[in-house]
Protein backbone atom coordinates (compact mmCIF):
# COMPACT_ATOMS: atom_id res chain seq x y z
CA MET A 1 84.94 27.06 -32.28
CA LYS A 2 83.86 27.74 -36.35
CA LYS A 3 81.43 30.37 -36.70
CA LYS A 4 78.93 30.72 -38.46
CA LYS A 5 78.95 34.26 -38.12
CA ASN A 6 74.88 34.27 -38.00
CA ILE A 7 72.14 34.16 -36.09
CA SER A 8 68.21 33.67 -36.85
CA VAL A 9 66.55 35.83 -34.87
CA GLY A 10 62.72 34.13 -34.90
CA LYS A 11 64.28 30.66 -34.49
CA THR A 12 66.64 32.46 -32.05
CA LEU A 13 63.30 34.04 -29.96
CA GLY A 14 60.75 31.25 -30.60
CA PHE A 15 63.01 28.22 -29.29
CA SER A 16 63.70 30.40 -26.14
CA PHE A 17 60.04 31.23 -25.31
CA GLN A 18 59.82 27.49 -25.77
CA PHE A 19 62.29 26.35 -24.07
CA LEU A 20 60.23 28.81 -21.42
CA ILE A 21 57.46 26.99 -21.59
CA THR A 22 58.76 23.46 -21.99
CA ASN A 23 58.10 21.51 -18.31
CA PHE A 24 56.68 25.08 -17.06
CA ASP A 25 56.19 24.14 -13.69
CA LYS A 26 59.42 23.01 -13.36
CA ARG A 27 60.76 25.92 -13.80
CA LEU A 28 58.35 27.59 -11.31
CA LYS A 29 59.61 25.23 -9.40
CA ASP A 30 63.32 25.59 -9.56
CA GLY A 31 63.41 29.21 -9.65
CA LEU A 32 61.67 29.01 -6.22
CA PRO A 33 65.22 29.31 -4.24
CA ALA A 34 66.44 32.24 -6.42
CA VAL A 35 62.72 34.54 -6.20
CA ILE A 36 63.29 33.20 -2.52
CA PHE A 37 66.59 34.96 -1.94
CA ILE A 38 65.62 38.58 -3.95
CA THR A 39 62.74 38.37 -1.84
CA ILE A 40 63.71 38.38 1.42
CA ALA A 41 66.79 40.51 0.29
CA PHE A 42 64.65 43.06 -0.95
CA ASN A 43 62.01 43.05 2.02
CA ILE A 44 65.31 43.62 4.04
CA LEU A 45 66.30 46.76 1.83
CA ASN A 46 62.63 48.59 1.56
CA TYR A 47 62.84 47.18 5.89
CA LEU A 48 66.13 49.60 6.09
CA ILE A 49 65.04 52.70 3.78
CA GLY A 50 61.24 52.87 5.89
CA LYS A 51 63.72 53.06 8.80
CA ASP A 52 66.61 55.70 7.09
CA ILE A 53 68.87 53.05 7.76
CA ALA A 54 69.45 52.49 3.94
CA THR A 55 72.64 54.46 2.28
CA ASN A 56 73.74 54.47 -1.40
CA PHE A 57 75.99 51.26 -0.32
CA THR A 58 72.95 48.97 1.20
CA ILE A 59 70.65 49.61 -2.26
CA PHE A 60 74.33 49.06 -4.28
CA PHE A 61 74.78 45.47 -2.47
CA PHE A 62 71.38 44.72 -3.01
CA PHE A 63 71.63 45.60 -6.81
CA ILE A 64 75.58 43.08 -6.61
CA PHE A 65 72.92 39.99 -4.44
CA THR A 66 70.76 40.13 -7.10
CA MET A 67 73.47 40.15 -10.31
CA ILE A 68 74.94 36.94 -8.19
CA VAL A 69 71.49 35.39 -7.90
CA SER A 70 71.14 36.12 -11.55
CA SER A 71 74.62 34.44 -12.59
CA ALA A 72 73.78 31.71 -11.09
CA VAL A 73 70.06 30.99 -13.09
CA GLY A 74 72.59 31.97 -16.37
CA ILE A 75 75.44 28.94 -15.81
CA CYS A 76 71.92 27.17 -14.81
CA VAL A 77 70.13 28.22 -18.23
CA HIS A 78 73.70 27.40 -21.01
CA GLU A 79 74.31 24.60 -19.41
CA GLU A 80 71.09 22.63 -19.62
CA ILE A 81 70.88 24.23 -23.35
CA ILE A 82 73.97 24.20 -24.61
CA ASN A 83 75.48 21.12 -22.53
CA LYS A 84 72.60 19.83 -22.38
CA SER A 85 72.80 18.76 -18.57
CA LYS A 86 70.63 19.88 -15.65
CA THR A 87 72.65 22.01 -13.20
CA ALA A 88 70.75 22.96 -9.59
CA PHE A 89 70.42 26.44 -8.92
CA LEU A 90 71.95 25.80 -5.10
CA LYS A 91 74.78 24.17 -6.36
CA GLU A 92 75.71 26.70 -8.84
CA PHE A 93 74.97 29.98 -6.04
CA LEU A 94 77.98 31.42 -4.74
CA SER A 95 80.31 28.29 -6.76
CA PRO A 96 83.84 30.14 -7.72
CA ARG A 97 82.29 29.39 -10.99
CA SER A 98 79.20 32.04 -10.89
CA ILE A 99 81.82 34.26 -8.78
CA LYS A 100 83.52 34.27 -12.05
CA TYR A 101 80.56 34.60 -13.84
CA PHE A 102 78.85 37.30 -12.33
CA LEU A 103 82.30 39.58 -12.76
CA ASN A 104 82.66 39.34 -16.21
CA PHE A 105 78.25 39.99 -15.88
CA LEU A 106 79.02 42.56 -13.69
CA VAL A 107 82.15 44.44 -16.51
CA LEU A 108 79.70 43.46 -19.59
CA SER A 109 76.65 45.65 -17.03
CA PHE A 110 78.98 48.33 -16.96
CA ILE A 111 80.64 48.79 -20.36
CA ALA A 112 77.07 48.58 -21.52
CA LEU A 113 75.64 51.66 -18.98
CA SER A 114 78.67 53.53 -18.75
CA PRO A 115 76.98 56.52 -21.19
CA LEU A 116 73.81 56.21 -17.83
CA LEU A 117 76.38 56.25 -15.28
CA ILE A 118 78.65 59.18 -16.34
CA HIS A 119 75.37 61.40 -16.93
CA PHE A 120 74.41 60.86 -13.84
CA PHE A 121 77.59 61.15 -12.01
CA VAL A 122 77.73 64.57 -14.45
CA ARG A 123 74.75 66.20 -12.48
CA LYS A 124 74.34 64.67 -9.08
CA MET A 125 77.80 63.99 -7.99
CA LEU A 126 79.89 67.17 -8.97
CA ASN A 127 76.50 69.01 -9.36
CA VAL A 128 76.91 70.26 -13.17
CA GLN A 129 73.58 70.63 -15.30
CA ASN A 130 73.45 70.33 -18.37
CA ASP A 131 71.12 68.93 -21.47
CA TYR A 132 72.99 66.07 -22.50
CA ALA A 133 70.07 63.12 -21.62
CA SER A 134 69.56 62.71 -25.69
CA ILE A 135 73.17 62.24 -26.34
CA ALA A 136 73.80 59.41 -23.22
CA ILE A 137 70.44 57.44 -23.93
CA ILE A 138 71.70 57.31 -27.89
CA LEU A 139 75.18 56.34 -26.12
CA TRP A 140 73.96 54.18 -24.10
CA VAL A 141 72.10 51.92 -27.29
CA LEU A 142 75.61 52.01 -28.56
CA THR A 143 77.72 50.22 -25.90
CA THR A 144 74.96 48.16 -25.19
CA ILE A 145 75.42 46.73 -28.59
CA LEU A 146 78.94 47.06 -27.99
CA SER A 147 78.59 45.11 -24.59
CA LEU A 148 76.06 42.54 -26.49
CA LYS A 149 78.83 41.23 -28.75
CA LEU A 150 80.87 40.88 -26.27
CA ILE A 151 77.56 38.38 -24.55
CA PHE A 152 79.00 35.55 -25.53
CA VAL A 153 82.01 35.30 -23.01
CA LEU A 154 79.21 34.06 -20.75
CA PRO A 155 78.20 30.74 -22.61
CA LYS A 156 82.14 30.64 -22.67
CA LEU A 157 82.98 30.90 -19.23
CA THR A 158 79.77 28.51 -18.62
CA LEU A 159 81.28 25.23 -20.88
CA GLY A 160 84.85 25.95 -20.01
CA ILE A 161 86.03 27.71 -23.60
CA ASP A 162 89.08 30.43 -23.38
CA TYR A 163 88.16 33.64 -23.67
CA ASN A 164 89.99 37.05 -23.97
CA TYR A 165 88.53 40.25 -23.72
CA ASN A 166 89.63 41.88 -27.14
CA ILE A 167 88.70 42.78 -30.38
CA LYS A 168 88.50 38.36 -31.94
CA GLU A 169 86.06 38.13 -29.09
CA LEU A 170 83.86 39.97 -30.64
CA ASN A 171 80.84 38.79 -32.51
CA MET A 172 78.96 39.72 -35.56
CA VAL A 173 75.63 39.88 -34.32
CA GLY A 174 75.17 42.16 -31.60
CA SER A 175 72.38 44.61 -33.15
CA LYS A 176 70.75 41.29 -33.13
CA LEU A 177 71.15 40.14 -29.83
CA PHE A 178 69.72 44.12 -28.80
CA LEU A 179 66.91 43.63 -30.86
CA LEU A 180 65.68 40.34 -29.18
CA LEU A 181 67.17 41.23 -25.66
CA THR A 182 64.61 44.84 -26.65
CA ILE A 183 61.83 41.61 -27.96
CA VAL A 184 61.97 39.69 -24.46
CA THR A 185 61.77 42.80 -21.79
CA VAL A 186 58.84 44.57 -24.20
CA ILE A 187 56.51 41.59 -23.74
CA PHE A 188 57.36 40.61 -20.55
CA LEU A 189 55.98 43.80 -19.77
CA VAL A 190 52.91 43.32 -20.15
CA PRO A 191 52.37 40.97 -17.66
CA SER A 192 54.43 42.74 -15.60
CA MET A 193 52.36 46.41 -15.92
CA ILE A 194 49.39 43.56 -15.43
CA TYR A 195 50.36 43.01 -12.19
CA LEU A 196 51.39 46.07 -11.04
CA THR A 197 48.04 47.01 -11.73
CA LEU A 198 46.77 43.71 -9.38
CA GLN A 199 49.15 45.13 -6.62
CA LEU A 200 48.77 48.73 -6.97
CA SER A 201 44.42 48.21 -6.36
CA PHE A 202 44.60 45.61 -3.65
CA MET A 203 47.56 48.01 -1.91
CA THR A 204 43.90 50.60 -2.64
CA SER A 205 41.12 48.25 -1.12
CA TYR A 206 42.68 47.12 1.62
CA LYS A 207 45.35 49.15 3.63
CA ASP A 208 45.02 47.15 6.34
CA VAL A 209 46.13 43.23 5.62
CA TYR A 210 48.21 44.46 2.38
CA GLN A 211 51.38 44.60 4.35
CA MET A 212 50.68 41.67 6.16
CA ILE A 213 50.59 39.71 1.96
CA LYS A 214 53.51 42.23 0.69
CA PRO A 215 55.38 39.50 0.37
CA ILE A 216 52.88 37.11 -1.25
CA PHE A 217 53.05 39.89 -3.90
CA ASP A 218 56.52 40.07 -3.92
CA ILE A 219 57.31 36.78 -4.98
CA GLY A 220 54.69 37.20 -7.75
CA SER A 221 56.68 39.92 -8.98
CA PHE A 222 60.15 38.58 -8.77
CA TYR A 223 58.71 34.62 -10.08
CA ILE A 224 58.20 37.34 -13.91
CA SER A 225 61.77 38.73 -13.08
CA TYR A 226 62.88 35.23 -13.06
CA LEU A 227 60.94 33.82 -16.46
CA ASN A 228 62.25 37.24 -18.23
CA TYR A 229 66.11 35.96 -16.77
CA ILE A 230 65.33 32.82 -17.93
CA THR A 231 64.81 34.10 -21.18
CA ILE A 232 67.13 36.65 -21.95
CA PHE A 233 69.65 33.97 -20.47
CA ALA A 234 67.72 31.61 -23.04
CA VAL A 235 67.92 33.74 -26.15
CA ILE A 236 72.24 34.33 -25.54
CA SER A 237 72.74 30.90 -25.11
CA PHE A 238 70.41 29.60 -28.51
CA ALA A 239 72.18 33.19 -30.02
CA PHE A 240 75.45 31.57 -28.96
CA LYS A 241 74.66 27.79 -30.34
CA ASP A 242 73.47 29.38 -34.07
CA TYR A 243 76.92 31.94 -33.85
CA PHE A 244 79.29 29.26 -33.45
CA SER A 245 77.27 26.19 -35.21
CA LYS A 246 78.93 24.13 -38.35
């Protein structure tokens, strides 16, 4: 594939939110299975924690399950934007391609989070006290940018294009992608905080009925997260198209 070796931050951001808003009602409908899966898993985890049954493995399993669901969503977004093909979430969920996508997604996430994981391991597991949190955060930014320099392996995997984890696979726009994903995350923090405030207010005012309708609030919260992920995968897709455009 011929590389343009650059992307437009403004165009990529604009196209990504345009993708989200276009046929918004259909986006909500298509996202229902993914949101329901995550909501059920979250409430099971919440129940196990409340009964003191949950372990670190249980929490880790929920994290893995969330990434598996997100991987299927990512494939659907890549297919629609890059390949102009509509793919159903339920068709991709737990498919061989989705599992392969998840494994690569997990590797990239580990690369990005490695400084924070090492910092946590040193402090909590080895019980070593240090004041290197600021250094860990700086290193996290750098490793996240490195991970984003490899992020195009995900749309390549979706399209069936060969890829390798080597220096030739590194793109030139990791910093721009970091900026784009930061902007998207900050934008979605606004509805997330508003929704959380309303949820806490309802929980305080209607304690008796809150537990019965809590799953409904959870669905709303995970819908916001779902829309956030759609936009993030759209950013990756449009950046990929722009980067490899002739």
